[in-house]
Amino acid sequence: PDSRVIRLIERMGKQAPPKQKRVLCMNKVDLVTKKKDLLKVAEQFKHLPGYERIFMTSGLKGAGLKALTQYLMEQFKDLGLKIH
């Protein structure tokens, strides 16, 4: 990815309040033709401070959306919130 994007993601992670959970969602993964490249990027972001999880998603193909939705629902449940 563009180095400016990497710096932005790093900066946002460092600014996260300690008790705030953040996730990094990499969308449009269906546009990446070489999946090895995608894994390299995910590995690059894996150790960034401030992000609890990384999700790779594709709205077009629905990839990763189930895991992201399940994670978000668990977070709501942990806060005692109910989704109808």
PDB file of N, CA and C in Angstrom:
ATOM      1  N   PRO A   1       0.825  -1.203   0.000  1.00  0.00           N
ATOM      2  CA  PRO A   1       0.000   0.000   0.000  1.00  0.00           C
ATOM      3  C   PRO A   1       0.863   1.259   0.000  1.00  0.00           C
ATOM      4  N   ASP A   2       0.234   2.324  -0.336  1.00  0.00           N
ATOM      5  CA  ASP A   2       0.870   3.631  -0.351  1.00  0.00           C
ATOM      6  C   ASP A   2       1.433   3.939   1.044  1.00  0.00           C
ATOM      7  N   SER A   3       2.648   4.471   1.100  1.00  0.00           N
ATOM      8  CA  SER A   3       3.284   4.755   2.391  1.00  0.00           C
ATOM      9  C   SER A   3       2.481   5.768   3.200  1.00  0.00           C
ATOM     10  N   ARG A   4       1.762   6.657   2.526  1.00  0.00           N
ATOM     11  CA  ARG A   4       0.919   7.621   3.251  1.00  0.00           C
ATOM     12  C   ARG A   4      -0.212   6.914   3.988  1.00  0.00           C
ATOM     13  N   VAL A   5      -0.750   5.871   3.373  1.00  0.00           N
ATOM     14  CA  VAL A   5      -1.826   5.104   4.003  1.00  0.00           C
ATOM     15  C   VAL A   5      -1.282   4.383   5.232  1.00  0.00           C
ATOM     16  N   ILE A   6      -0.114   3.800   5.091  1.00  0.00           N
ATOM     17  CA  ILE A   6       0.500   3.095   6.218  1.00  0.00           C
ATOM     18  C   ILE A   6       0.736   4.055   7.379  1.00  0.00           C
ATOM     19  N   ARG A   7       1.268   5.243   7.090  1.00  0.00           N
ATOM     20  CA  ARG A   7       1.521   6.219   8.158  1.00  0.00           C
ATOM     21  C   ARG A   7       0.217   6.654   8.821  1.00  0.00           C
ATOM     22  N   LEU A   8      -0.827   6.839   8.043  1.00  0.00           N
ATOM     23  CA  LEU A   8      -2.125   7.225   8.594  1.00  0.00           C
ATOM     24  C   LEU A   8      -2.667   6.135   9.524  1.00  0.00           C
ATOM     25  N   ILE A   9      -2.609   4.903   9.092  1.00  0.00           N
ATOM     26  CA  ILE A   9      -3.101   3.785   9.906  1.00  0.00           C
ATOM     27  C   ILE A   9      -2.281   3.669  11.186  1.00  0.00           C
ATOM     28  N   GLU A  10      -0.972   3.836  11.078  1.00  0.00           N
ATOM     29  CA  GLU A  10      -0.119   3.795  12.266  1.00  0.00           C
ATOM     30  C   GLU A  10      -0.475   4.920  13.229  1.00  0.00           C
ATOM     31  N   ARG A  11      -0.639   6.116  12.701  1.00  0.00           N
ATOM     32  CA  ARG A  11      -0.947   7.283  13.540  1.00  0.00           C
ATOM     33  C   ARG A  11      -2.293   7.105  14.242  1.00  0.00           C
ATOM     34  N   MET A  12      -3.278   6.616  13.529  1.00  0.00           N
ATOM     35  CA  MET A  12      -4.592   6.407  14.129  1.00  0.00           C
ATOM     36  C   MET A  12      -4.529   5.358  15.237  1.00  0.00           C
ATOM     37  N   GLY A  13      -3.752   4.313  15.033  1.00  0.00           N
ATOM     38  CA  GLY A  13      -3.603   3.276  16.051  1.00  0.00           C
ATOM     39  C   GLY A  13      -2.934   3.798  17.304  1.00  0.00           C
ATOM     40  N   LYS A  14      -1.943   4.651  17.132  1.00  0.00           N
ATOM     41  CA  LYS A  14      -1.222   5.208  18.283  1.00  0.00           C
ATOM     42  C   LYS A  14      -2.081   6.185  19.066  1.00  0.00           C
ATOM     43  N   GLN A  15      -3.061   6.796  18.425  1.00  0.00           N
ATOM     44  CA  GLN A  15      -3.913   7.779  19.084  1.00  0.00           C
ATOM     45  C   GLN A  15      -5.106   7.147  19.799  1.00  0.00           C
ATOM     46  N   ALA A  16      -5.235   5.849  19.703  1.00  0.00           N
ATOM     47  CA  ALA A  16      -6.379   5.168  20.323  1.00  0.00           C
ATOM     48  C   ALA A  16      -6.280   5.238  21.843  1.00  0.00           C
ATOM     49  N   PRO A  17      -7.355   5.666  22.509  1.00  0.00           N
ATOM     50  CA  PRO A  17      -7.365   5.621  23.979  1.00  0.00           C
ATOM     51  C   PRO A  17      -7.160   4.172  24.438  1.00  0.00           C
ATOM     52  N   PRO A  18      -6.463   3.968  25.550  1.00  0.00           N
ATOM     53  CA  PRO A  18      -6.122   2.602  25.992  1.00  0.00           C
ATOM     54  C   PRO A  18      -7.304   1.648  26.125  1.00  0.00           C
ATOM     55  N   LYS A  19      -8.462   2.149  26.556  1.00  0.00           N
ATOM     56  CA  LYS A  19      -9.617   1.263  26.754  1.00  0.00           C
ATOM     57  C   LYS A  19     -10.474   1.104  25.509  1.00  0.00           C
ATOM     58  N   GLN A  20     -10.164   1.841  24.463  1.00  0.00           N
ATOM     59  CA  GLN A  20     -10.961   1.785  23.244  1.00  0.00           C
ATOM     60  C   GLN A  20     -10.449   0.676  22.333  1.00  0.00           C
ATOM     61  N   LYS A  21     -11.363  -0.173  21.888  1.00  0.00           N
ATOM     62  CA  LYS A  21     -10.995  -1.231  20.966  1.00  0.00           C
ATOM     63  C   LYS A  21     -11.141  -0.712  19.545  1.00  0.00           C
ATOM     64  N   ARG A  22     -10.167  -0.987  18.713  1.00  0.00           N
ATOM     65  CA  ARG A  22     -10.234  -0.610  17.307  1.00  0.00           C
ATOM     66  C   ARG A  22      -9.925  -1.819  16.455  1.00  0.00           C
ATOM     67  N   VAL A  23     -10.553  -1.855  15.307  1.00  0.00           N
ATOM     68  CA  VAL A  23     -10.250  -2.896  14.337  1.00  0.00           C
ATOM     69  C   VAL A  23      -9.818  -2.214  13.043  1.00  0.00           C
ATOM     70  N   LEU A  24      -9.016  -2.914  12.297  1.00  0.00           N
ATOM     71  CA  LEU A  24      -8.588  -2.438  10.988  1.00  0.00           C
ATOM     72  C   LEU A  24      -9.290  -3.321   9.966  1.00  0.00           C
ATOM     73  N   CYS A  25     -10.072  -2.705   9.119  1.00  0.00           N
ATOM     74  CA  CYS A  25     -10.825  -3.444   8.114  1.00  0.00           C
ATOM     75  C   CYS A  25     -10.270  -3.106   6.737  1.00  0.00           C
ATOM     76  N   MET A  26      -9.689  -4.088   6.103  1.00  0.00           N
ATOM     77  CA  MET A  26      -9.147  -3.918   4.756  1.00  0.00           C
ATOM     78  C   MET A  26     -10.210  -4.403   3.777  1.00  0.00           C
ATOM     79  N   ASN A  27     -10.849  -3.459   3.091  1.00  0.00           N
ATOM     80  CA  ASN A  27     -11.937  -3.785   2.175  1.00  0.00           C
ATOM     81  C   ASN A  27     -11.417  -3.890   0.736  1.00  0.00           C
ATOM     82  N   LYS A  28     -12.255  -4.408  -0.108  1.00  0.00           N
ATOM     83  CA  LYS A  28     -11.975  -4.573  -1.545  1.00  0.00           C
ATOM     84  C   LYS A  28     -10.848  -5.574  -1.819  1.00  0.00           C
ATOM     85  N   VAL A  29     -10.730  -6.573  -0.952  1.00  0.00           N
ATOM     86  CA  VAL A  29      -9.668  -7.564  -1.129  1.00  0.00           C
ATOM     87  C   VAL A  29      -9.879  -8.409  -2.385  1.00  0.00           C
ATOM     88  N   ASP A  30     -11.087  -8.379  -2.928  1.00  0.00           N
ATOM     89  CA  ASP A  30     -11.353  -9.131  -4.160  1.00  0.00           C
ATOM     90  C   ASP A  30     -10.590  -8.532  -5.351  1.00  0.00           C
ATOM     91  N   LEU A  31     -10.132  -7.280  -5.228  1.00  0.00           N
ATOM     92  CA  LEU A  31      -9.398  -6.627  -6.320  1.00  0.00           C
ATOM     93  C   LEU A  31      -7.920  -7.018  -6.359  1.00  0.00           C
ATOM     94  N   VAL A  32      -7.458  -7.677  -5.310  1.00  0.00           N
ATOM     95  CA  VAL A  32      -6.050  -8.092  -5.256  1.00  0.00           C
ATOM     96  C   VAL A  32      -5.921  -9.424  -5.983  1.00  0.00           C
ATOM     97  N   THR A  33      -5.141  -9.416  -7.052  1.00  0.00           N
ATOM     98  CA  THR A  33      -5.012 -10.640  -7.844  1.00  0.00           C
ATOM     99  C   THR A  33      -4.046 -11.638  -7.220  1.00  0.00           C
ATOM    100  N   LYS A  34      -2.996 -11.147  -6.613  1.00  0.00           N
ATOM    101  CA  LYS A  34      -2.024 -12.039  -5.972  1.00  0.00           C
ATOM    102  C   LYS A  34      -2.294 -12.057  -4.475  1.00  0.00           C
ATOM    103  N   LYS A  35      -2.858 -13.152  -3.993  1.00  0.00           N
ATOM    104  CA  LYS A  35      -3.214 -13.256  -2.582  1.00  0.00           C
ATOM    105  C   LYS A  35      -1.981 -13.188  -1.678  1.00  0.00           C
ATOM    106  N   LYS A  36      -0.818 -13.558  -2.196  1.00  0.00           N
ATOM    107  CA  LYS A  36       0.414 -13.439  -1.414  1.00  0.00           C
ATOM    108  C   LYS A  36       0.683 -11.981  -1.065  1.00  0.00           C
ATOM    109  N   ASP A  37       0.354 -11.069  -1.989  1.00  0.00           N
ATOM    110  CA  ASP A  37       0.528  -9.642  -1.729  1.00  0.00           C
ATOM    111  C   ASP A  37      -0.378  -9.187  -0.599  1.00  0.00           C
ATOM    112  N   LEU A  38      -1.582  -9.705  -0.576  1.00  0.00           N
ATOM    113  CA  LEU A  38      -2.540  -9.359   0.466  1.00  0.00           C
ATOM    114  C   LEU A  38      -2.043  -9.843   1.825  1.00  0.00           C
ATOM    115  N   LEU A  39      -1.508 -11.033   1.859  1.00  0.00           N
ATOM    116  CA  LEU A  39      -0.986 -11.572   3.112  1.00  0.00           C
ATOM    117  C   LEU A  39       0.227 -10.773   3.596  1.00  0.00           C
ATOM    118  N   LYS A  40       1.034 -10.279   2.673  1.00  0.00           N
ATOM    119  CA  LYS A  40       2.180  -9.437   3.042  1.00  0.00           C
ATOM    120  C   LYS A  40       1.699  -8.150   3.706  1.00  0.00           C
ATOM    121  N   VAL A  41       0.670  -7.554   3.145  1.00  0.00           N
ATOM    122  CA  VAL A  41       0.123  -6.316   3.710  1.00  0.00           C
ATOM    123  C   VAL A  41      -0.457  -6.590   5.094  1.00  0.00           C
ATOM    124  N   ALA A  42      -1.214  -7.665   5.227  1.00  0.00           N
ATOM    125  CA  ALA A  42      -1.800  -8.016   6.523  1.00  0.00           C
ATOM    126  C   ALA A  42      -0.700  -8.256   7.553  1.00  0.00           C
ATOM    127  N   GLU A  43       0.357  -8.891   7.152  1.00  0.00           N
ATOM    128  CA  GLU A  43       1.484  -9.139   8.048  1.00  0.00           C
ATOM    129  C   GLU A  43       2.136  -7.827   8.468  1.00  0.00           C
ATOM    130  N   GLN A  44       2.208  -6.906   7.545  1.00  0.00           N
ATOM    131  CA  GLN A  44       2.787  -5.592   7.805  1.00  0.00           C
ATOM    132  C   GLN A  44       1.976  -4.826   8.854  1.00  0.00           C
ATOM    133  N   PHE A  45       0.661  -4.996   8.848  1.00  0.00           N
ATOM    134  CA  PHE A  45      -0.216  -4.299   9.768  1.00  0.00           C
ATOM    135  C   PHE A  45      -0.432  -5.051  11.082  1.00  0.00           C
ATOM    136  N   LYS A  46      -0.063  -6.301  11.116  1.00  0.00           N
ATOM    137  CA  LYS A  46      -0.359  -7.185  12.243  1.00  0.00           C
ATOM    138  C   LYS A  46       0.129  -6.650  13.595  1.00  0.00           C
ATOM    139  N   HIS A  47       1.257  -5.996  13.609  1.00  0.00           N
ATOM    140  CA  HIS A  47       1.859  -5.573  14.869  1.00  0.00           C
ATOM    141  C   HIS A  47       1.637  -4.096  15.183  1.00  0.00           C
ATOM    142  N   LEU A  48       0.740  -3.457  14.464  1.00  0.00           N
ATOM    143  CA  LEU A  48       0.468  -2.046  14.724  1.00  0.00           C
ATOM    144  C   LEU A  48      -0.200  -1.881  16.086  1.00  0.00           C
ATOM    145  N   PRO A  49       0.212  -0.879  16.838  1.00  0.00           N
ATOM    146  CA  PRO A  49      -0.445  -0.649  18.133  1.00  0.00           C
ATOM    147  C   PRO A  49      -1.838  -0.064  17.942  1.00  0.00           C
ATOM    148  N   GLY A  50      -2.720  -0.394  18.870  1.00  0.00           N
ATOM    149  CA  GLY A  50      -4.039   0.218  18.877  1.00  0.00           C
ATOM    150  C   GLY A  50      -5.133  -0.558  18.169  1.00  0.00           C
ATOM    151  N   TYR A  51      -4.779  -1.618  17.447  1.00  0.00           N
ATOM    152  CA  TYR A  51      -5.786  -2.391  16.719  1.00  0.00           C
ATOM    153  C   TYR A  51      -5.894  -3.782  17.328  1.00  0.00           C
ATOM    154  N   GLU A  52      -7.103  -4.124  17.707  1.00  0.00           N
ATOM    155  CA  GLU A  52      -7.320  -5.431  18.320  1.00  0.00           C
ATOM    156  C   GLU A  52      -7.364  -6.551  17.276  1.00  0.00           C
ATOM    157  N   ARG A  53      -7.991  -6.262  16.158  1.00  0.00           N
ATOM    158  CA  ARG A  53      -8.137  -7.281  15.095  1.00  0.00           C
ATOM    159  C   ARG A  53      -8.009  -6.638  13.733  1.00  0.00           C
ATOM    160  N   ILE A  54      -7.658  -7.455  12.763  1.00  0.00           N
ATOM    161  CA  ILE A  54      -7.617  -7.023  11.369  1.00  0.00           C
ATOM    162  C   ILE A  54      -8.581  -7.920  10.592  1.00  0.00           C
ATOM    163  N   PHE A  55      -9.436  -7.290   9.809  1.00  0.00           N
ATOM    164  CA  PHE A  55     -10.374  -8.031   8.966  1.00  0.00           C
ATOM    165  C   PHE A  55     -10.112  -7.678   7.514  1.00  0.00           C
ATOM    166  N   MET A  56     -10.114  -8.687   6.668  1.00  0.00           N
ATOM    167  CA  MET A  56      -9.994  -8.484   5.227  1.00  0.00           C
ATOM    168  C   MET A  56     -11.361  -8.805   4.632  1.00  0.00           C
ATOM    169  N   THR A  57     -11.965  -7.813   3.973  1.00  0.00           N
ATOM    170  CA  THR A  57     -13.329  -7.986   3.497  1.00  0.00           C
ATOM    171  C   THR A  57     -13.485  -7.628   2.022  1.00  0.00           C
ATOM    172  N   SER A  58     -14.560  -8.146   1.474  1.00  0.00           N
ATOM    173  CA  SER A  58     -14.999  -7.778   0.134  1.00  0.00           C
ATOM    174  C   SER A  58     -16.517  -7.674   0.184  1.00  0.00           C
ATOM    175  N   GLY A  59     -17.019  -6.459   0.062  1.00  0.00           N
ATOM    176  CA  GLY A  59     -18.470  -6.282   0.044  1.00  0.00           C
ATOM    177  C   GLY A  59     -19.092  -6.937  -1.169  1.00  0.00           C
ATOM    178  N   LEU A  60     -18.389  -6.872  -2.295  1.00  0.00           N
ATOM    179  CA  LEU A  60     -18.902  -7.443  -3.535  1.00  0.00           C
ATOM    180  C   LEU A  60     -19.101  -8.953  -3.420  1.00  0.00           C
ATOM    181  N   LYS A  61     -18.114  -9.630  -2.875  1.00  0.00           N
ATOM    182  CA  LYS A  61     -18.177 -11.090  -2.786  1.00  0.00           C
ATOM    183  C   LYS A  61     -18.609 -11.581  -1.421  1.00  0.00           C
ATOM    184  N   GLY A  62     -18.700 -10.671  -0.452  1.00  0.00           N
ATOM    185  CA  GLY A  62     -19.132 -11.059   0.893  1.00  0.00           C
ATOM    186  C   GLY A  62     -18.031 -11.680   1.736  1.00  0.00           C
ATOM    187  N   ALA A  63     -16.831 -11.693   1.246  1.00  0.00           N
ATOM    188  CA  ALA A  63     -15.725 -12.326   1.968  1.00  0.00           C
ATOM    189  C   ALA A  63     -15.408 -11.550   3.241  1.00  0.00           C
ATOM    190  N   GLY A  64     -15.245 -12.261   4.338  1.00  0.00           N
ATOM    191  CA  GLY A  64     -14.851 -11.669   5.603  1.00  0.00           C
ATOM    192  C   GLY A  64     -15.954 -10.958   6.362  1.00  0.00           C
ATOM    193  N   LEU A  65     -17.101 -10.785   5.747  1.00  0.00           N
ATOM    194  CA  LEU A  65     -18.176 -10.038   6.395  1.00  0.00           C
ATOM    195  C   LEU A  65     -18.796 -10.799   7.560  1.00  0.00           C
ATOM    196  N   LYS A  66     -18.860 -12.104   7.450  1.00  0.00           N
ATOM    197  CA  LYS A  66     -19.427 -12.908   8.538  1.00  0.00           C
ATOM    198  C   LYS A  66     -18.556 -12.778   9.789  1.00  0.00           C
ATOM    199  N   ALA A  67     -17.245 -12.872   9.623  1.00  0.00           N
ATOM    200  CA  ALA A  67     -16.332 -12.756  10.767  1.00  0.00           C
ATOM    201  C   ALA A  67     -16.398 -11.362  11.379  1.00  0.00           C
ATOM    202  N   LEU A  68     -16.447 -10.334  10.536  1.00  0.00           N
ATOM    203  CA  LEU A  68     -16.535  -8.961  11.024  1.00  0.00           C
ATOM    204  C   LEU A  68     -17.852  -8.745  11.779  1.00  0.00           C
ATOM    205  N   THR A  69     -18.953  -9.197  11.210  1.00  0.00           N
ATOM    206  CA  THR A  69     -20.259  -9.048  11.845  1.00  0.00           C
ATOM    207  C   THR A  69     -20.304  -9.788  13.176  1.00  0.00           C
ATOM    208  N   GLN A  70     -19.776 -10.994  13.202  1.00  0.00           N
ATOM    209  CA  GLN A  70     -19.760 -11.788  14.433  1.00  0.00           C
ATOM    210  C   GLN A  70     -18.934 -11.073  15.509  1.00  0.00           C
ATOM    211  N   TYR A  71     -17.792 -10.546  15.134  1.00  0.00           N
ATOM    212  CA  TYR A  71     -16.947  -9.813  16.084  1.00  0.00           C
ATOM    213  C   TYR A  71     -17.705  -8.609  16.652  1.00  0.00           C
ATOM    214  N   LEU A  72     -18.338  -7.842  15.783  1.00  0.00           N
ATOM    215  CA  LEU A  72     -19.067  -6.650  16.228  1.00  0.00           C
ATOM    216  C   LEU A  72     -20.235  -7.020  17.140  1.00  0.00           C
ATOM    217  N   MET A  73     -20.938  -8.084  16.813  1.00  0.00           N
ATOM    218  CA  MET A  73     -22.051  -8.536  17.654  1.00  0.00           C
ATOM    219  C   MET A  73     -21.545  -8.944  19.034  1.00  0.00           C
ATOM    220  N   GLU A  74     -20.391  -9.597  19.088  1.00  0.00           N
ATOM    221  CA  GLU A  74     -19.801  -9.983  20.380  1.00  0.00           C
ATOM    222  C   GLU A  74     -19.450  -8.748  21.203  1.00  0.00           C
ATOM    223  N   GLN A  75     -18.965  -7.709  20.531  1.00  0.00           N
ATOM    224  CA  GLN A  75     -18.619  -6.477  21.240  1.00  0.00           C
ATOM    225  C   GLN A  75     -19.857  -5.821  21.826  1.00  0.00           C
ATOM    226  N   PHE A  76     -20.947  -5.801  21.076  1.00  0.00           N
ATOM    227  CA  PHE A  76     -22.200  -5.246  21.584  1.00  0.00           C
ATOM    228  C   PHE A  76     -22.699  -6.051  22.777  1.00  0.00           C
ATOM    229  N   LYS A  77     -22.592  -7.368  22.654  1.00  0.00           N
ATOM    230  CA  LYS A  77     -23.044  -8.249  23.735  1.00  0.00           C
ATOM    231  C   LYS A  77     -22.223  -7.984  24.997  1.00  0.00           C
ATOM    232  N   ASP A  78     -20.912  -7.831  24.849  1.00  0.00           N
ATOM    233  CA  ASP A  78     -20.046  -7.564  25.986  1.00  0.00           C
ATOM    234  C   ASP A  78     -20.383  -6.245  26.672  1.00  0.00           C
ATOM    235  N   LEU A  79     -20.937  -5.306  25.910  1.00  0.00           N
ATOM    236  CA  LEU A  79     -21.331  -4.016  26.479  1.00  0.00           C
ATOM    237  C   LEU A  79     -22.749  -4.050  27.064  1.00  0.00           C
ATOM    238  N   GLY A  80     -23.417  -5.197  26.910  1.00  0.00           N
ATOM    239  CA  GLY A  80     -24.775  -5.324  27.408  1.00  0.00           C
ATOM    240  C   GLY A  80     -25.814  -4.749  26.476  1.00  0.00           C
ATOM    241  N   LEU A  81     -25.425  -4.467  25.234  1.00  0.00           N
ATOM    242  CA  LEU A  81     -26.366  -3.926  24.250  1.00  0.00           C
ATOM    243  C   LEU A  81     -27.011  -5.053  23.466  1.00  0.00           C
ATOM    244  N   LYS A  82     -28.239  -4.843  23.070  1.00  0.00           N
ATOM    245  CA  LYS A  82     -28.955  -5.834  22.278  1.00  0.00           C
ATOM    246  C   LYS A  82     -29.260  -5.265  20.912  1.00  0.00           C
ATOM    247  N   ILE A  83     -29.070  -6.079  19.903  1.00  0.00           N
ATOM    248  CA  ILE A  83     -29.379  -5.716  18.526  1.00  0.00           C
ATOM    249  C   ILE A  83     -30.618  -6.492  18.115  1.00  0.00           C
ATOM    250  N   HIS A  84     -31.580  -5.818  17.573  1.00  0.00           N
ATOM    251  CA  HIS A  84     -32.825  -6.482  17.151  1.00  0.00           C
ATOM    252  C   HIS A  84     -32.843  -6.640  15.649  1.00  0.00           C
TER     253      HIS A  84
END
